[in-house]
Amino acid sequence: MSDGYDDLRYVDIELDGVRYEGRFRVSGRSVIVYYEAEIKFVDFGMHRPETVARWMLSDLVRRPRSVKKRPVRR
């Protein structure tokens, strides 16, 4: 591909009996994972990109959801 990105591929994990699905692509030596509205990327080094994508998806799934903050009253 001319833009330097591989095609999007699907990756899934199972955590506490629930299956989660995300997508990932490889760009150079980096893996980029997309899950819901989150994006995470990291250099995959000596590991297979698919393995690193599963690790990152696991991190994204476990991350606490952002909570809408209440405005500060002055």
Foldseek 3Di string as FASTA:
>chain_A
DVVQKDDKDKAWDADPNDIAIWIWIDGDQKIWIDGDPDIDMDGPPPDDNNVVNHVVVVVVVPDDDDDDDDDDDD
